[in-house]
Amino acid sequence: MALHPSTWEVLRLALRVHFHSDGVFDPSLPVRPGCLTDLELSPESAPEPPWALCRAPLALDLGGIAKGYAVDRAVEALIDAGCTAGLVNAGGDLRLFGALRDTVLLRRADGSCEPLVLDRVALAVSDADAWQRPPEHRGYYRRSGARRPTCRYAAVLAPTAALADALTKCVLLAPRERAQHTLRALGGRQLL
């Protein structure tokens, strides 16, 4: 099937995180028998439009990566419009770009806050116990075969907000060693 280029980008990133996390990051829903690895995407060099081939029926919920992707697109739009520095914050996912250095308050799982200096980086926070957490995140914690969260709170720095968003799910769901491997492989860093 033909895909919008943005959908292709999100799926490509989801597949990368899925691979490096040994399948812990998996946006496929249990209502269909397929999983993310049943999806083949067109190569980057393929002619437009990008495409996907599904080898099995597949239902996806990209809520655990899409908000970060939207933040990244907003940053690109600002840069394209001539903005040289700024911060885009979408409630739990944010990204600084340009020469801006800013201090934000990082709210911890216990409700305490800690000042955090950010410079040309993205930050995502996920709290498995937060009552106000978006409904789309709940699926990551109850998928067929999904592990129970190994920790209840994750804050991750990464080069892009989409990547930081996805990596928080890896920190929450993967065994510590696997989560650390995934963070290193994809350029993320967990904040304790």
C-alpha atoms as a PDB file:
ATOM      1  CA  MET A   1       0.000   0.000   0.000  1.00  0.00           C
ATOM      2  CA  ALA A   2       1.161   3.539  -0.678  1.00  0.00           C
ATOM      3  CA  LEU A   3       2.039   5.589   2.422  1.00  0.00           C
ATOM      4  CA  HIS A   4       2.288   9.266   3.206  1.00  0.00           C
ATOM      5  CA  PRO A   5       6.004  10.128   3.632  1.00  0.00           C
ATOM      6  CA  SER A   6       5.410  11.040   7.302  1.00  0.00           C
ATOM      7  CA  THR A   7       3.783   7.676   8.005  1.00  0.00           C
ATOM      8  CA  TRP A   8       6.718   5.946   6.329  1.00  0.00           C
ATOM      9  CA  GLU A   9       9.187   7.908   8.519  1.00  0.00           C
ATOM     10  CA  VAL A  10       7.353   7.025  11.740  1.00  0.00           C
ATOM     11  CA  LEU A  11       7.146   3.348  10.757  1.00  0.00           C
ATOM     12  CA  ARG A  12      10.831   3.274   9.802  1.00  0.00           C
ATOM     13  CA  LEU A  13      11.793   4.684  13.196  1.00  0.00           C
ATOM     14  CA  ALA A  14       9.410   2.268  14.960  1.00  0.00           C
ATOM     15  CA  LEU A  15      11.095  -0.644  13.162  1.00  0.00           C
ATOM     16  CA  ARG A  16      14.571   0.597  14.204  1.00  0.00           C
ATOM     17  CA  VAL A  17      13.556   0.888  17.852  1.00  0.00           C
ATOM     18  CA  HIS A  18      11.759  -2.478  17.653  1.00  0.00           C
ATOM     19  CA  PHE A  19      14.934  -4.109  16.290  1.00  0.00           C
ATOM     20  CA  HIS A  20      17.314  -2.598  18.862  1.00  0.00           C
ATOM     21  CA  SER A  21      14.941  -3.323  21.759  1.00  0.00           C
ATOM     22  CA  ASP A  22      14.538  -6.994  20.751  1.00  0.00           C
ATOM     23  CA  GLY A  23      10.859  -6.341  20.091  1.00  0.00           C
ATOM     24  CA  VAL A  24      10.058  -4.581  23.374  1.00  0.00           C
ATOM     25  CA  PHE A  25       8.964  -1.454  21.495  1.00  0.00           C
ATOM     26  CA  ASP A  26       6.048  -2.822  19.516  1.00  0.00           C
ATOM     27  CA  PRO A  27       3.136  -0.651  18.412  1.00  0.00           C
ATOM     28  CA  SER A  28       1.180  -3.590  16.978  1.00  0.00           C
ATOM     29  CA  LEU A  29      -2.149  -4.257  18.648  1.00  0.00           C
ATOM     30  CA  PRO A  30      -3.301  -7.703  19.787  1.00  0.00           C
ATOM     31  CA  VAL A  31      -6.571  -7.439  17.819  1.00  0.00           C
ATOM     32  CA  ARG A  32      -4.736  -8.809  14.761  1.00  0.00           C
ATOM     33  CA  PRO A  33      -2.337 -11.767  14.565  1.00  0.00           C
ATOM     34  CA  GLY A  34       0.510  -9.763  12.954  1.00  0.00           C
ATOM     35  CA  CYS A  35       3.424  -7.979  14.565  1.00  0.00           C
ATOM     36  CA  LEU A  36       5.646  -5.115  13.458  1.00  0.00           C
ATOM     37  CA  THR A  37       8.141  -7.447  11.804  1.00  0.00           C
ATOM     38  CA  ASP A  38       5.406  -8.507   9.364  1.00  0.00           C
ATOM     39  CA  LEU A  39       5.767  -5.051   7.842  1.00  0.00           C
ATOM     40  CA  GLU A  40       8.223  -4.360   5.009  1.00  0.00           C
ATOM     41  CA  LEU A  41       8.868  -0.738   4.052  1.00  0.00           C
ATOM     42  CA  SER A  42      10.125   0.579   0.739  1.00  0.00           C
ATOM     43  CA  PRO A  43      13.833   1.455   0.755  1.00  0.00           C
ATOM     44  CA  GLU A  44      14.763   5.098   1.218  1.00  0.00           C
ATOM     45  CA  SER A  45      16.030   5.185  -2.363  1.00  0.00           C
ATOM     46  CA  ALA A  46      12.769   3.827  -3.854  1.00  0.00           C
ATOM     47  CA  PRO A  47      10.747   6.130  -6.064  1.00  0.00           C
ATOM     48  CA  GLU A  48       7.851   8.042  -4.483  1.00  0.00           C
ATOM     49  CA  PRO A  49       5.408   7.388  -3.000  1.00  0.00           C
ATOM     50  CA  PRO A  50       6.836   5.263  -0.207  1.00  0.00           C
ATOM     51  CA  TRP A  51       5.069   1.978   0.360  1.00  0.00           C
ATOM     52  CA  ALA A  52       4.548  -0.778   2.905  1.00  0.00           C
ATOM     53  CA  LEU A  53       3.933  -4.462   2.380  1.00  0.00           C
ATOM     54  CA  CYS A  54       2.102  -6.311   5.171  1.00  0.00           C
ATOM     55  CA  ARG A  55       2.742 -10.053   5.308  1.00  0.00           C
ATOM     56  CA  ALA A  56      -0.005 -10.593   7.899  1.00  0.00           C
ATOM     57  CA  PRO A  57      -3.040  -8.635   9.085  1.00  0.00           C
ATOM     58  CA  LEU A  58      -1.682  -5.841  11.250  1.00  0.00           C
ATOM     59  CA  ALA A  59      -3.191  -3.134  13.469  1.00  0.00           C
ATOM     60  CA  LEU A  60      -0.894  -0.416  14.792  1.00  0.00           C
ATOM     61  CA  ASP A  61      -1.134   2.251  17.487  1.00  0.00           C
ATOM     62  CA  LEU A  62       1.672   4.739  16.963  1.00  0.00           C
ATOM     63  CA  GLY A  63       0.670   6.911  19.938  1.00  0.00           C
ATOM     64  CA  GLY A  64       3.921   6.060  21.748  1.00  0.00           C
ATOM     65  CA  ILE A  65       6.026   7.762  19.083  1.00  0.00           C
ATOM     66  CA  ALA A  66       3.735  10.101  17.112  1.00  0.00           C
ATOM     67  CA  LYS A  67       3.631  13.033  19.551  1.00  0.00           C
ATOM     68  CA  GLY A  68       7.406  13.182  19.515  1.00  0.00           C
ATOM     69  CA  TYR A  69       7.310  13.030  15.717  1.00  0.00           C
ATOM     70  CA  ALA A  70       4.866  15.969  15.681  1.00  0.00           C
ATOM     71  CA  VAL A  71       7.275  17.963  17.862  1.00  0.00           C
ATOM     72  CA  ASP A  72      10.089  17.220  15.397  1.00  0.00           C
ATOM     73  CA  ARG A  73       7.923  18.348  12.443  1.00  0.00           C
ATOM     74  CA  ALA A  74       7.056  21.564  14.307  1.00  0.00           C
ATOM     75  CA  VAL A  75      10.773  22.226  14.824  1.00  0.00           C
ATOM     76  CA  GLU A  76      11.402  21.644  11.099  1.00  0.00           C
ATOM     77  CA  ALA A  77       8.558  24.019  10.185  1.00  0.00           C
ATOM     78  CA  LEU A  78       9.968  26.725  12.462  1.00  0.00           C
ATOM     79  CA  ILE A  79      13.441  26.335  10.971  1.00  0.00           C
ATOM     80  CA  ASP A  80      12.016  26.401   7.431  1.00  0.00           C
ATOM     81  CA  ALA A  81      10.199  29.636   8.320  1.00  0.00           C
ATOM     82  CA  GLY A  82      13.475  31.261   9.392  1.00  0.00           C
ATOM     83  CA  CYS A  83      13.439  30.655  13.145  1.00  0.00           C
ATOM     84  CA  THR A  84      17.003  30.171  14.368  1.00  0.00           C
ATOM     85  CA  ALA A  85      16.342  28.862  17.884  1.00  0.00           C
ATOM     86  CA  GLY A  86      13.437  27.764  20.012  1.00  0.00           C
ATOM     87  CA  LEU A  87      11.685  25.189  22.156  1.00  0.00           C
ATOM     88  CA  VAL A  88       8.640  23.132  21.191  1.00  0.00           C
ATOM     89  CA  ASN A  89       6.821  21.514  24.120  1.00  0.00           C
ATOM     90  CA  ALA A  90       3.923  19.101  23.689  1.00  0.00           C
ATOM     91  CA  GLY A  91       3.360  18.038  27.284  1.00  0.00           C
ATOM     92  CA  GLY A  92       5.879  15.331  28.073  1.00  0.00           C
ATOM     93  CA  ASP A  93       7.784  15.632  24.787  1.00  0.00           C
ATOM     94  CA  LEU A  94       9.908  18.666  24.031  1.00  0.00           C
ATOM     95  CA  ARG A  95      12.821  19.668  21.843  1.00  0.00           C
ATOM     96  CA  LEU A  96      15.233  22.590  21.844  1.00  0.00           C
ATOM     97  CA  PHE A  97      16.904  23.684  18.638  1.00  0.00           C
ATOM     98  CA  GLY A  98      19.445  26.274  17.553  1.00  0.00           C
ATOM     99  CA  ALA A  99      21.593  28.209  19.990  1.00  0.00           C
ATOM    100  CA  LEU A 100      18.919  28.176  22.702  1.00  0.00           C
ATOM    101  CA  ARG A 101      19.942  26.803  26.080  1.00  0.00           C
ATOM    102  CA  ASP A 102      17.130  26.626  28.605  1.00  0.00           C
ATOM    103  CA  THR A 103      16.353  25.255  32.039  1.00  0.00           C
ATOM    104  CA  VAL A 104      13.166  23.257  32.469  1.00  0.00           C
ATOM    105  CA  LEU A 105      11.710  21.674  35.569  1.00  0.00           C
ATOM    106  CA  LEU A 106      11.689  17.898  35.230  1.00  0.00           C
ATOM    107  CA  ARG A 107       8.805  16.481  37.241  1.00  0.00           C
ATOM    108  CA  ARG A 108       9.698  13.145  38.784  1.00  0.00           C
ATOM    109  CA  ALA A 109       7.365  10.226  39.457  1.00  0.00           C
ATOM    110  CA  ASP A 110       7.161  11.233  43.141  1.00  0.00           C
ATOM    111  CA  GLY A 111       5.960  14.729  42.154  1.00  0.00           C
ATOM    112  CA  SER A 112       9.214  16.461  43.003  1.00  0.00           C
ATOM    113  CA  CYS A 113      10.832  18.752  40.435  1.00  0.00           C
ATOM    114  CA  GLU A 114      14.445  19.069  39.413  1.00  0.00           C
ATOM    115  CA  PRO A 115      15.955  21.825  37.253  1.00  0.00           C
ATOM    116  CA  LEU A 116      17.420  20.419  34.053  1.00  0.00           C
ATOM    117  CA  VAL A 117      19.541  22.435  31.614  1.00  0.00           C
ATOM    118  CA  LEU A 118      18.852  21.487  27.986  1.00  0.00           C
ATOM    119  CA  ASP A 119      20.777  22.443  24.871  1.00  0.00           C
ATOM    120  CA  ARG A 120      19.950  21.176  21.337  1.00  0.00           C
ATOM    121  CA  VAL A 121      18.281  18.005  22.577  1.00  0.00           C
ATOM    122  CA  ALA A 122      14.882  16.377  22.899  1.00  0.00           C
ATOM    123  CA  LEU A 123      13.349  15.161  26.156  1.00  0.00           C
ATOM    124  CA  ALA A 124      10.459  12.759  26.650  1.00  0.00           C
ATOM    125  CA  VAL A 125       8.903  11.624  29.905  1.00  0.00           C
ATOM    126  CA  SER A 126       6.558   8.676  30.474  1.00  0.00           C
ATOM    127  CA  ASP A 127       4.984   7.699  33.764  1.00  0.00           C
ATOM    128  CA  ALA A 128       3.206   4.343  33.785  1.00  0.00           C
ATOM    129  CA  ASP A 129       1.217   5.394  36.855  1.00  0.00           C
ATOM    130  CA  ALA A 130       0.222   8.929  35.825  1.00  0.00           C
ATOM    131  CA  TRP A 131      -3.551   9.325  35.939  1.00  0.00           C
ATOM    132  CA  GLN A 132      -3.395  11.948  33.176  1.00  0.00           C
ATOM    133  CA  ARG A 133      -1.254   9.875  30.829  1.00  0.00           C
ATOM    134  CA  PRO A 134      -2.652   9.857  27.275  1.00  0.00           C
ATOM    135  CA  PRO A 135      -4.978   6.907  26.552  1.00  0.00           C
ATOM    136  CA  GLU A 136      -2.843   5.856  23.574  1.00  0.00           C
ATOM    137  CA  HIS A 137       0.080   5.080  25.879  1.00  0.00           C
ATOM    138  CA  ARG A 138      -1.902   2.541  27.875  1.00  0.00           C
ATOM    139  CA  GLY A 139      -1.789   0.058  25.018  1.00  0.00           C
ATOM    140  CA  TYR A 140       1.983  -0.328  25.285  1.00  0.00           C
ATOM    141  CA  TYR A 141       1.526  -1.706  28.789  1.00  0.00           C
ATOM    142  CA  ARG A 142      -1.121  -4.315  27.985  1.00  0.00           C
ATOM    143  CA  ARG A 143      -0.229  -5.645  24.544  1.00  0.00           C
ATOM    144  CA  SER A 144      -0.263  -9.370  23.965  1.00  0.00           C
ATOM    145  CA  GLY A 145       3.062 -10.700  25.195  1.00  0.00           C
ATOM    146  CA  ALA A 146       4.111  -7.292  26.517  1.00  0.00           C
ATOM    147  CA  ARG A 147       6.055  -7.235  29.716  1.00  0.00           C
ATOM    148  CA  ARG A 148       4.822  -5.438  32.781  1.00  0.00           C
ATOM    149  CA  PRO A 149       6.739  -2.203  33.278  1.00  0.00           C
ATOM    150  CA  THR A 150      10.117  -2.921  34.857  1.00  0.00           C
ATOM    151  CA  CYS A 151      10.080   0.609  36.250  1.00  0.00           C
ATOM    152  CA  ARG A 152       7.211   3.067  36.572  1.00  0.00           C
ATOM    153  CA  TYR A 153       8.825   6.294  35.285  1.00  0.00           C
ATOM    154  CA  ALA A 154      11.196   7.149  32.450  1.00  0.00           C
ATOM    155  CA  ALA A 155      12.825  10.372  31.284  1.00  0.00           C
ATOM    156  CA  VAL A 156      15.008  10.138  28.172  1.00  0.00           C
ATOM    157  CA  LEU A 157      17.176  12.595  26.234  1.00  0.00           C
ATOM    158  CA  ALA A 158      17.731  11.896  22.529  1.00  0.00           C
ATOM    159  CA  PRO A 159      18.553  13.723  19.291  1.00  0.00           C
ATOM    160  CA  THR A 160      14.881  13.819  18.229  1.00  0.00           C
ATOM    161  CA  ALA A 161      11.619  13.950  20.148  1.00  0.00           C
ATOM    162  CA  ALA A 162      10.202  10.940  18.277  1.00  0.00           C
ATOM    163  CA  LEU A 163      13.180   8.850  19.320  1.00  0.00           C
ATOM    164  CA  ALA A 164      13.046  10.099  22.928  1.00  0.00           C
ATOM    165  CA  ASP A 165       9.308   9.297  23.018  1.00  0.00           C
ATOM    166  CA  ALA A 166       9.847   5.733  21.778  1.00  0.00           C
ATOM    167  CA  LEU A 167      12.825   5.138  24.070  1.00  0.00           C
ATOM    168  CA  THR A 168      10.799   5.945  27.185  1.00  0.00           C
ATOM    169  CA  LYS A 169       8.647   2.882  26.403  1.00  0.00           C
ATOM    170  CA  CYS A 170      11.814   0.774  26.119  1.00  0.00           C
ATOM    171  CA  VAL A 171      13.038   2.010  29.504  1.00  0.00           C
ATOM    172  CA  LEU A 172       9.668   1.209  31.077  1.00  0.00           C
ATOM    173  CA  LEU A 173       9.221  -2.233  29.514  1.00  0.00           C
ATOM    174  CA  ALA A 174      12.650  -3.727  28.808  1.00  0.00           C
ATOM    175  CA  PRO A 175      14.920  -5.390  31.330  1.00  0.00           C
ATOM    176  CA  ARG A 176      17.499  -2.810  32.447  1.00  0.00           C
ATOM    177  CA  GLU A 177      20.373  -4.304  30.417  1.00  0.00           C
ATOM    178  CA  ARG A 178      18.278  -4.394  27.203  1.00  0.00           C
ATOM    179  CA  ALA A 179      17.001  -0.847  27.801  1.00  0.00           C
ATOM    180  CA  GLN A 180      20.559   0.441  28.266  1.00  0.00           C
ATOM    181  CA  HIS A 181      21.701  -1.353  25.099  1.00  0.00           C
ATOM    182  CA  THR A 182      18.820   0.200  23.141  1.00  0.00           C
ATOM    183  CA  LEU A 183      19.587   3.672  24.497  1.00  0.00           C
ATOM    184  CA  ARG A 184      23.276   3.376  23.555  1.00  0.00           C
ATOM    185  CA  ALA A 185      22.525   1.976  20.086  1.00  0.00           C
ATOM    186  CA  LEU A 186      20.113   4.810  19.241  1.00  0.00           C
ATOM    187  CA  GLY A 187      21.894   7.744  20.921  1.00  0.00           C
ATOM    188  CA  GLY A 188      19.546   8.171  23.882  1.00  0.00           C
ATOM    189  CA  ARG A 189      20.295   8.754  27.547  1.00  0.00           C
ATOM    190  CA  GLN A 190      18.115   7.890  30.513  1.00  0.00           C
ATOM    191  CA  LEU A 191      17.801  10.466  33.284  1.00  0.00           C
ATOM    192  CA  LEU A 192      17.629   8.958  36.752  1.00  0.00           C
END
